[in-house]
Amino acid sequence: MSVLGGTVAGAHFGTGDIAIVVTVVVLLAISALLAVAETSLVRTSRAKALGLADEGRRGARLLVRLSTDPQGFLNPVILAVLVCQLVVATLVGLIASEWFGAWGVVVATAFEIAVIFVLGEAVPKNWAVRHPERAALFSAPLVAGLVSFWPVRMLSAGLNGVANALIGGRGPAGGDVTESELLAMADVAVEGAVIEREERALIHSIIEFGDTVVREVMVPRPAMVSADAHQPVEAALEAALEAGYSRLPVVDGHVDDVVGIAYTKDLMRAVRSGHAAEPVRDHVRAAHFVPETKRVAHLMREMQAASFHLAIVVDEYGGTAGLVTLEDLIEELVGEIVDEFDVEEPPLVHLAPDEVSVTGRMGVDEVNELLGAELPTGAWDTVGGLVLDLLGHVPVAGEEVAVAGHRLVAERVTGRTIDRVRIAPAEGAVAGAGDDGALP
């Protein structure tokens, strides 16, 4: 083969052939650039683009604009790649047929598979996968210019409209990030040492916080410490100090009749002012009442706005179900907060490698997460409630039931309340074992 008119297999290599070769090379380069753009931009979420913009990276603002509407840039890019590759394939077929005659089809096919796939698809896309940020920032101006070119935009929109008509119209874009995806991203970030495990736990708590209701975090009615409205101020103050609480609900004869909240500092002030013998109801502040189905996220905002730290929780019949404090809500995010007044026993104690003791008030979801168990959920929220539901009666200490491959033992029972439950694997348990009630 010679540019000066030499021949190979009887085919002349002239000026027209040079133009075709140059065109093929240029189109392959454009196809490779667009392949980089397609891969990198599709893999770049809007959150990632916003993060790059916050860092002041060059081209990040264009990237944010493109990531807002992926379909707006994806269709023009795909169309441009397809046009480039089709034109290259056609030109290679023409020149191969001229140079190699009947063998031209075989040569052109081999060239297209080897060169177009490797240089136009595999190499640029693999590079974009390995360097997503660099590729996205590099490609954003190119794609923005392509999208702003109205003939390309109109042609791709028209063809996309035909495609939508064939598949039955436009469906949901599916671009919203779900909670499960955010949780999975946090897990992947931990595996990649991007964030610490404690940060992952906090992310999980924040996301799950929005789905938690007051009933799941409240101090239940039997565990409430209250003062009688007719008690002297001094007696109510002693009860509050003994319990280590700064606020006590004040009831008029019955826990369902809450008349207000007594603040320890108000009671101290009353005692120092000589009002120690007065009934405590004369020194209470207004109580706030919330339904047990209220979302804790909404309640926290209300507490912040109205500056109160304790609310009485009522059930659907208007009775007192328990109380909830701002500390209870914060503990849902950051875990247990233990101060010098807390005398509660640990919520979970490891008795053996595969056996634990938990408080009856611990949530079933929390136990499942900590132990990797699959204890059933239902109308109950706590482990104690699960044991009561399975047994169908208030157990005595030591009574046990099997469910989901675990033995649940009522370790300590006070009155009608299950204080602690021991959880251990059920020996020889099979799927569904224990659903029929107590073990023999």
Protein backbone atom coordinates (compact mmCIF):
# COMPACT_ATOMS: atom_id res chain seq x y z
CA MET A 1 0.00 0.00 0.00
CA SER A 2 1.40 3.41 -0.98
CA VAL A 3 -0.03 6.92 -0.73
CA LEU A 4 1.78 7.77 -4.01
CA GLY A 5 -0.40 5.49 -6.01
CA GLY A 6 0.98 2.08 -5.07
CA THR A 7 -1.40 -0.89 -4.96
CA VAL A 8 -2.19 -3.63 -2.55
CA ALA A 9 -4.35 -6.49 -3.83
CA GLY A 10 -5.10 -4.37 -6.86
CA ALA A 11 -6.66 -1.47 -4.88
CA HIS A 12 -5.44 2.09 -5.27
CA PHE A 13 -5.00 4.20 -2.11
CA GLY A 14 -5.96 7.70 -3.18
CA THR A 15 -6.96 11.04 -1.73
CA GLY A 16 -10.58 9.89 -1.19
CA ASP A 17 -9.39 6.94 0.87
CA ILE A 18 -7.30 9.23 3.06
CA ALA A 19 -10.35 11.40 3.75
CA ILE A 20 -12.37 8.31 4.71
CA VAL A 21 -9.65 7.08 7.09
CA VAL A 22 -9.38 10.49 8.75
CA THR A 23 -13.17 10.64 9.11
CA VAL A 24 -13.22 7.17 10.69
CA VAL A 25 -10.52 8.14 13.20
CA VAL A 26 -12.31 11.37 14.13
CA LEU A 27 -15.66 9.64 14.55
CA LEU A 28 -14.05 6.92 16.68
CA ALA A 29 -12.54 9.59 18.92
CA ILE A 30 -15.91 11.34 19.26
CA SER A 31 -17.61 8.00 19.99
CA ALA A 32 -15.03 7.25 22.71
CA LEU A 33 -15.56 10.67 24.34
CA LEU A 34 -19.32 10.20 24.30
CA ALA A 35 -18.93 6.69 25.77
CA VAL A 36 -16.94 8.22 28.64
CA ALA A 37 -19.67 10.83 29.11
CA GLU A 38 -22.49 8.29 29.04
CA THR A 39 -20.91 6.00 31.62
CA SER A 40 -19.65 8.67 34.01
CA LEU A 41 -22.74 10.87 33.98
CA VAL A 42 -25.15 7.99 34.47
CA ARG A 43 -23.08 6.84 37.46
CA THR A 44 -23.03 10.33 39.01
CA SER A 45 -25.95 11.02 41.34
CA ARG A 46 -27.25 14.51 41.98
CA ALA A 47 -25.98 14.28 45.56
CA LYS A 48 -22.49 13.50 44.28
CA ALA A 49 -22.65 16.39 41.81
CA LEU A 50 -23.72 18.77 44.57
CA GLY A 51 -20.83 17.56 46.70
CA LEU A 52 -18.36 18.29 43.89
CA ALA A 53 -19.92 21.72 43.43
CA ASP A 54 -19.48 22.44 47.14
CA GLU A 55 -15.79 21.56 46.73
CA GLY A 56 -15.54 24.14 43.94
CA ARG A 57 -14.51 21.62 41.29
CA ARG A 58 -14.36 22.95 37.73
CA GLY A 59 -17.36 21.88 35.66
CA ALA A 60 -19.35 20.80 38.74
CA ARG A 61 -22.14 23.34 38.18
CA LEU A 62 -22.79 21.95 34.71
CA LEU A 63 -22.70 18.48 36.24
CA VAL A 64 -25.37 19.45 38.79
CA ARG A 65 -27.60 20.78 36.00
CA LEU A 66 -27.19 17.61 33.94
CA SER A 67 -27.75 15.26 36.91
CA THR A 68 -31.06 16.98 37.68
CA ASP A 69 -32.56 15.55 34.46
CA PRO A 70 -30.61 12.42 33.37
CA GLN A 71 -33.04 11.64 30.56
CA GLY A 72 -32.43 15.10 29.12
CA PHE A 73 -28.79 14.32 28.32
CA LEU A 74 -28.84 10.53 28.01
CA ASN A 75 -30.96 10.33 24.87
CA PRO A 76 -28.88 12.87 22.86
CA VAL A 77 -25.64 11.16 23.93
CA ILE A 78 -26.88 7.69 22.97
CA LEU A 79 -28.13 9.03 19.64
CA ALA A 80 -24.78 10.70 18.90
CA VAL A 81 -22.83 7.53 19.80
CA LEU A 82 -25.10 5.44 17.59
CA VAL A 83 -24.72 7.83 14.64
CA CYS A 84 -20.92 7.90 14.98
CA GLN A 85 -20.62 4.13 15.14
CA LEU A 86 -23.03 3.53 12.26
CA VAL A 87 -21.18 6.00 10.03
CA VAL A 88 -17.83 4.41 10.97
CA ALA A 89 -19.18 0.95 10.20
CA THR A 90 -20.52 2.13 6.82
CA LEU A 91 -17.28 3.87 5.82
CA VAL A 92 -15.13 0.92 6.92
CA GLY A 93 -17.35 -1.40 4.90
CA LEU A 94 -16.99 0.77 1.78
CA ILE A 95 -13.22 1.11 1.96
CA ALA A 96 -12.72 -2.56 2.87
CA SER A 97 -14.84 -3.63 -0.09
CA GLU A 98 -12.72 -1.41 -2.36
CA TRP A 99 -9.41 -2.69 -1.03
CA PHE A 100 -10.15 -6.38 -0.46
CA GLY A 101 -13.03 -7.16 -2.78
CA ALA A 102 -15.16 -10.09 -1.67
CA TRP A 103 -13.13 -10.41 1.53
CA GLY A 104 -14.02 -6.83 2.42
CA VAL A 105 -17.08 -7.83 4.45
CA VAL A 106 -15.00 -10.19 6.61
CA VAL A 107 -12.24 -7.61 7.10
CA ALA A 108 -14.75 -4.84 7.91
CA THR A 109 -16.57 -7.03 10.43
CA ALA A 110 -13.32 -7.99 12.15
CA PHE A 111 -12.23 -4.34 12.25
CA GLU A 112 -15.54 -3.19 13.67
CA ILE A 113 -15.56 -5.85 16.38
CA ALA A 114 -11.95 -5.35 17.39
CA VAL A 115 -11.47 -1.61 16.95
CA ILE A 116 -14.93 -0.11 17.53
CA PHE A 117 -15.62 -2.31 20.56
CA VAL A 118 -12.18 -1.89 22.12
CA LEU A 119 -11.45 1.77 21.32
CA GLY A 120 -15.00 3.07 21.09
CA GLU A 121 -16.64 1.19 23.97
CA ALA A 122 -14.52 -0.94 26.31
CA VAL A 123 -11.51 1.34 26.88
CA PRO A 124 -13.41 4.62 27.45
CA LYS A 125 -16.15 3.06 29.56
CA ASN A 126 -13.73 1.10 31.74
CA TRP A 127 -11.72 4.28 32.29
CA ALA A 128 -14.90 6.15 33.24
CA VAL A 129 -15.82 3.43 35.74
CA ARG A 130 -12.36 3.63 37.37
CA HIS A 131 -12.27 7.44 37.43
CA PRO A 132 -15.95 8.49 37.69
CA GLU A 133 -15.38 11.97 39.12
CA ARG A 134 -12.68 12.99 36.63
CA ALA A 135 -14.66 11.55 33.74
CA ALA A 136 -17.90 13.27 34.78
CA LEU A 137 -16.26 16.68 35.27
CA PHE A 138 -14.38 16.33 31.98
CA SER A 139 -17.50 15.24 30.06
CA ALA A 140 -19.98 17.75 31.50
CA PRO A 141 -19.07 20.69 29.21
CA LEU A 142 -19.04 18.44 26.13
CA VAL A 143 -22.47 16.98 26.91
CA ALA A 144 -23.91 20.37 27.86
CA GLY A 145 -22.84 21.72 24.47
CA LEU A 146 -24.32 18.70 22.69
CA VAL A 147 -27.65 19.02 24.55
CA SER A 148 -27.84 22.75 23.79
CA PHE A 149 -27.48 22.06 20.03
CA TRP A 150 -31.16 22.21 19.07
CA PRO A 151 -31.14 19.81 16.05
CA VAL A 152 -29.72 17.02 18.23
CA ARG A 153 -32.09 17.82 21.06
CA MET A 154 -35.17 17.92 18.83
CA LEU A 155 -34.24 14.75 16.93
CA SER A 156 -33.55 12.75 20.10
CA ALA A 157 -36.76 14.03 21.70
CA GLY A 158 -38.78 13.01 18.64
CA LEU A 159 -37.27 9.53 18.48
CA ASN A 160 -37.70 9.13 22.23
CA GLY A 161 -41.36 10.06 21.83
CA VAL A 162 -41.76 7.28 19.28
CA ALA A 163 -40.11 4.84 21.69
CA ASN A 164 -42.41 5.91 24.53
CA ALA A 165 -45.43 5.43 22.27
CA LEU A 166 -44.29 1.89 21.46
CA ILE A 167 -43.86 0.91 25.11
CA GLY A 168 -47.07 2.53 26.32
CA GLY A 169 -46.07 6.03 27.41
CA ARG A 170 -43.73 7.53 29.92
CA GLY A 171 -43.18 5.68 33.17
CA PRO A 172 -41.80 6.95 36.45
CA ALA A 173 -38.27 8.24 36.20
CA GLY A 174 -37.14 6.26 39.26
CA GLY A 175 -34.51 8.82 40.16
CA ASP A 176 -35.51 9.23 43.82
CA VAL A 177 -33.20 7.70 46.38
CA THR A 178 -35.00 5.36 48.79
CA GLU A 179 -34.26 4.81 52.46
CA SER A 180 -33.00 1.29 51.76
CA GLU A 181 -30.55 2.69 49.20
CA LEU A 182 -29.26 5.25 51.69
CA LEU A 183 -28.78 2.52 54.30
CA ALA A 184 -26.97 0.36 51.74
CA MET A 185 -24.74 3.31 50.80
CA ALA A 186 -23.80 3.73 54.47
CA ASP A 187 -22.94 0.02 54.70
CA VAL A 188 -20.78 0.23 51.58
CA ALA A 189 -19.06 3.35 52.95
CA VAL A 190 -18.12 1.44 56.11
CA GLU A 191 -16.70 -1.44 54.08
CA GLY A 192 -14.66 1.04 52.07
CA ALA A 193 -13.39 2.74 55.25
CA VAL A 194 -14.97 6.02 54.13
CA ILE A 195 -16.92 6.39 57.40
CA GLU A 196 -16.64 4.79 60.84
CA ARG A 197 -19.06 2.17 62.16
CA GLU A 198 -20.31 4.65 64.76
CA GLU A 199 -21.15 7.08 61.96
CA ARG A 200 -22.97 4.32 60.10
CA ALA A 201 -25.02 3.55 63.23
CA LEU A 202 -25.91 7.24 63.55
CA ILE A 203 -26.99 7.39 59.89
CA HIS A 204 -29.20 4.33 60.40
CA SER A 205 -30.71 5.88 63.54
CA ILE A 206 -31.46 9.17 61.78
CA ILE A 207 -33.15 7.46 58.83
CA GLU A 208 -35.19 5.15 61.06
CA PHE A 209 -36.05 8.07 63.37
CA GLY A 210 -38.65 9.35 60.92
CA ASP A 211 -40.57 6.04 61.05
CA THR A 212 -40.59 5.73 64.85
CA VAL A 213 -43.76 6.55 66.80
CA VAL A 214 -44.03 7.76 70.38
CA ARG A 215 -45.37 4.42 71.62
CA GLU A 216 -42.03 2.79 70.78
CA VAL A 217 -39.92 5.16 72.91
CA MET A 218 -42.21 6.21 75.77
CA VAL A 219 -41.93 5.23 79.41
CA PRO A 220 -44.97 2.94 79.74
CA ARG A 221 -47.72 3.61 82.24
CA PRO A 222 -46.62 0.98 84.83
CA ALA A 223 -43.10 2.49 84.95
CA MET A 224 -44.29 6.07 85.43
CA VAL A 225 -43.38 7.89 88.66
CA SER A 226 -46.03 10.46 89.55
CA ALA A 227 -47.19 12.61 92.45
CA ASP A 228 -50.73 12.89 93.79
CA ALA A 229 -52.29 16.31 93.37
CA HIS A 230 -53.22 16.45 97.07
CA GLN A 231 -49.73 15.61 98.33
CA PRO A 232 -47.84 18.34 100.14
CA VAL A 233 -45.17 20.06 98.09
CA GLU A 234 -42.47 18.70 100.38
CA ALA A 235 -43.58 15.08 99.88
CA ALA A 236 -43.69 15.51 96.10
CA LEU A 237 -40.22 17.04 96.16
CA GLU A 238 -38.85 14.08 98.13
CA ALA A 239 -40.42 11.66 95.61
CA ALA A 240 -38.84 13.54 92.70
CA LEU A 241 -35.42 13.67 94.35
CA GLU A 242 -35.56 10.00 95.28
CA ALA A 243 -36.43 9.03 91.70
CA GLY A 244 -33.80 11.40 90.30
CA TYR A 245 -36.26 13.23 88.04
CA SER A 246 -36.47 16.96 87.38
CA ARG A 247 -40.16 16.74 86.41
CA LEU A 248 -43.06 14.61 87.65
CA PRO A 249 -46.58 14.24 86.29
CA VAL A 250 -49.17 15.17 88.92
CA VAL A 251 -52.37 13.09 88.96
CA ASP A 252 -55.69 13.64 90.71
CA GLY A 253 -56.31 10.26 92.31
CA HIS A 254 -55.72 8.24 89.12
CA VAL A 255 -52.99 8.11 86.51
CA ASP A 256 -55.53 8.76 83.76
CA ASP A 257 -56.29 12.18 85.30
CA VAL A 258 -53.06 14.15 84.85
CA VAL A 259 -53.55 17.72 86.10
CA GLY A 260 -50.09 19.08 85.32
CA ILE A 261 -46.34 18.68 85.56
CA ALA A 262 -44.41 19.49 88.75
CA TYR A 263 -40.90 20.87 88.18
CA THR A 264 -38.38 20.07 90.90
CA LYS A 265 -36.98 23.62 90.82
CA ASP A 266 -40.51 25.02 91.36
CA LEU A 267 -41.04 22.69 94.32
CA MET A 268 -37.69 23.68 95.84
CA ARG A 269 -38.59 27.35 95.47
CA ALA A 270 -41.98 26.70 97.11
CA VAL A 271 -40.37 24.90 100.07
CA ARG A 272 -37.85 27.71 100.57
CA SER A 273 -40.71 30.25 100.44
CA GLY A 274 -42.61 28.49 103.25
CA HIS A 275 -45.22 26.68 101.10
CA ALA A 276 -44.02 23.15 101.85
CA ALA A 277 -47.41 22.09 103.26
CA GLU A 278 -49.48 23.33 100.34
CA PRO A 279 -50.91 20.79 97.87
CA VAL A 280 -48.61 20.19 94.95
CA ARG A 281 -51.38 20.89 92.43
CA ASP A 282 -51.03 24.58 93.29
CA HIS A 283 -47.48 24.55 91.96
CA VAL A 284 -47.74 22.68 88.67
CA ARG A 285 -47.31 23.77 85.09
CA ALA A 286 -49.55 22.83 82.17
CA ALA A 287 -49.07 19.34 80.80
CA HIS A 288 -48.67 18.58 77.10
CA PHE A 289 -50.56 15.57 75.74
CA VAL A 290 -49.64 13.64 72.58
CA PRO A 291 -51.14 10.52 70.96
CA GLU A 292 -49.08 7.35 71.13
CA THR A 293 -49.10 7.11 67.30
CA LYS A 294 -47.40 10.49 66.82
CA ARG A 295 -44.09 10.44 64.92
CA VAL A 296 -41.17 11.21 67.22
CA ALA A 297 -39.60 13.52 64.61
CA HIS A 298 -42.71 15.74 64.70
CA LEU A 299 -42.80 15.64 68.49
CA MET A 300 -39.16 16.69 68.75
CA ARG A 301 -39.83 19.73 66.58
CA GLU A 302 -42.83 20.62 68.78
CA MET A 303 -40.73 20.28 71.92
CA GLN A 304 -38.09 22.57 70.46
CA ALA A 305 -40.63 25.14 69.30
CA ALA A 306 -42.70 25.20 72.52
CA SER A 307 -39.76 24.64 74.91
CA PHE A 308 -41.11 21.67 76.87
CA HIS A 309 -39.21 18.49 77.76
CA LEU A 310 -41.95 16.10 78.85
CA ALA A 311 -45.28 15.07 77.36
CA ILE A 312 -48.02 12.72 78.55
CA VAL A 313 -48.82 10.01 76.02
CA VAL A 314 -52.50 9.08 75.62
CA ASP A 315 -54.05 6.11 73.88
CA GLU A 316 -56.98 6.08 71.48
CA TYR A 317 -59.44 5.99 74.42
CA GLY A 318 -57.96 9.05 76.14
CA GLY A 319 -56.28 7.08 78.91
CA THR A 320 -52.67 7.63 79.92
CA ALA A 321 -50.41 5.22 78.04
CA GLY A 322 -47.14 6.61 79.42
CA LEU A 323 -44.89 9.61 79.17
CA VAL A 324 -42.11 10.67 76.84
CA THR A 325 -39.21 13.03 77.42
CA LEU A 326 -36.86 14.89 75.13
CA GLU A 327 -34.09 12.63 76.40
CA ASP A 328 -36.05 9.58 75.18
CA LEU A 329 -36.19 11.08 71.70
CA ILE A 330 -32.49 11.98 71.63
CA GLU A 331 -31.58 8.48 72.78
CA GLU A 332 -33.26 7.13 69.67
CA LEU A 333 -30.58 8.95 67.69
CA VAL A 334 -27.42 8.61 69.78
CA GLY A 335 -28.15 5.63 72.01
CA GLU A 336 -28.58 5.41 75.78
CA ILE A 337 -27.64 8.53 77.76
CA VAL A 338 -26.70 7.58 81.31
CA ASP A 339 -26.36 10.30 83.93
CA GLU A 340 -25.59 10.28 87.65
CA PHE A 341 -29.25 9.73 88.50
CA ASP A 342 -29.83 6.72 86.25
CA VAL A 343 -30.00 3.51 88.23
CA GLU A 344 -31.54 1.36 85.54
CA GLU A 345 -29.91 -1.99 84.83
CA PRO A 346 -28.25 -2.51 81.45
CA PRO A 347 -30.80 -3.08 78.66
CA LEU A 348 -28.75 -6.01 77.31
CA VAL A 349 -26.39 -8.38 79.13
CA HIS A 350 -24.43 -11.17 77.43
CA LEU A 351 -24.75 -14.34 79.49
CA ALA A 352 -22.99 -16.61 76.98
CA PRO A 353 -21.74 -16.33 73.39
CA ASP A 354 -25.23 -17.10 72.09
CA GLU A 355 -27.40 -16.13 75.07
CA VAL A 356 -28.46 -12.68 76.28
CA SER A 357 -30.71 -11.11 78.87
CA VAL A 358 -32.70 -8.03 77.80
CA THR A 359 -35.22 -5.76 79.43
CA GLY A 360 -38.83 -6.60 78.65
CA ARG A 361 -39.22 -3.07 77.28
CA MET A 362 -36.59 -3.55 74.57
CA GLY A 363 -38.11 -3.33 71.10
CA VAL A 364 -38.38 -6.48 69.01
CA ASP A 365 -36.80 -4.69 66.03
CA GLU A 366 -33.81 -3.70 68.15
CA VAL A 367 -33.35 -7.26 69.39
CA ASN A 368 -33.52 -8.58 65.83
CA GLU A 369 -30.88 -6.09 64.74
CA LEU A 370 -28.54 -6.80 67.66
CA LEU A 371 -28.82 -10.58 67.51
CA GLY A 372 -29.47 -11.11 63.82
CA ALA A 373 -32.68 -12.89 64.84
CA GLU A 374 -36.06 -12.95 63.13
CA LEU A 375 -38.45 -12.62 66.02
CA PRO A 376 -41.95 -11.85 64.72
CA THR A 377 -43.45 -8.37 64.82
CA GLY A 378 -47.11 -7.53 65.23
CA ALA A 379 -49.41 -5.63 67.58
CA TRP A 380 -46.65 -5.69 70.22
CA ASP A 381 -43.57 -3.44 70.22
CA THR A 382 -41.44 -5.02 72.93
CA VAL A 383 -39.95 -8.40 73.73
CA GLY A 384 -42.14 -8.56 76.82
CA GLY A 385 -45.20 -7.94 74.68
CA LEU A 386 -44.13 -10.73 72.32
CA VAL A 387 -43.84 -13.21 75.21
CA LEU A 388 -47.27 -12.19 76.54
CA ASP A 389 -48.83 -12.62 73.10
CA LEU A 390 -47.28 -16.05 72.55
CA LEU A 391 -48.18 -17.38 75.99
CA GLY A 392 -51.64 -15.81 76.13
CA HIS A 393 -51.31 -15.11 79.86
CA VAL A 394 -49.06 -13.33 82.35
CA PRO A 395 -46.15 -15.72 82.94
CA VAL A 396 -44.44 -16.62 86.16
CA ALA A 397 -40.68 -16.24 86.46
CA GLY A 398 -38.93 -19.01 84.53
CA GLU A 399 -41.77 -19.69 82.12
CA GLU A 400 -40.59 -19.84 78.52
CA VAL A 401 -41.76 -20.02 74.93
CA ALA A 402 -40.04 -20.87 71.65
CA VAL A 403 -40.36 -18.87 68.46
CA ALA A 404 -38.28 -18.36 65.31
CA GLY A 405 -35.56 -20.72 66.55
CA HIS A 406 -35.12 -18.99 69.93
CA ARG A 407 -36.19 -19.65 73.53
CA LEU A 408 -37.65 -16.63 75.30
CA VAL A 409 -37.60 -17.04 79.07
CA ALA A 410 -39.50 -14.68 81.37
CA GLU A 411 -36.52 -14.17 83.65
CA ARG A 412 -38.13 -11.70 86.05
CA VAL A 413 -41.81 -10.75 86.38
CA THR A 414 -43.15 -8.00 88.63
CA GLY A 415 -46.91 -8.05 88.99
CA ARG A 416 -48.20 -8.19 85.43
CA THR A 417 -45.02 -6.75 83.92
CA ILE A 418 -42.22 -8.82 82.37
CA ASP A 419 -39.07 -7.00 83.52
CA ARG A 420 -36.40 -9.14 81.86
CA VAL A 421 -36.34 -11.80 79.16
CA ARG A 422 -33.56 -14.28 78.51
CA ILE A 423 -33.05 -15.15 74.84
CA ALA A 424 -31.17 -18.25 73.73
CA PRO A 425 -31.18 -20.55 70.68
CA ALA A 426 -33.83 -23.25 70.88
CA GLU A 427 -32.12 -26.64 70.85
CA GLY A 428 -33.24 -28.69 67.87
CA ALA A 429 -35.55 -25.88 66.78
CA VAL A 430 -36.99 -26.09 63.28
CA ALA A 431 -38.62 -23.39 61.20
CA GLY A 432 -41.83 -22.32 62.85
CA ALA A 433 -41.10 -24.18 66.08
CA GLY A 434 -42.68 -22.68 69.15
CA ASP A 435 -45.56 -20.97 67.37
CA ASP A 436 -47.99 -23.18 69.23
CA GLY A 437 -47.19 -21.82 72.68
CA ALA A 438 -45.01 -22.66 75.65
CA LEU A 439 -42.40 -25.37 75.60
CA PRO A 440 -43.16 -28.51 77.56
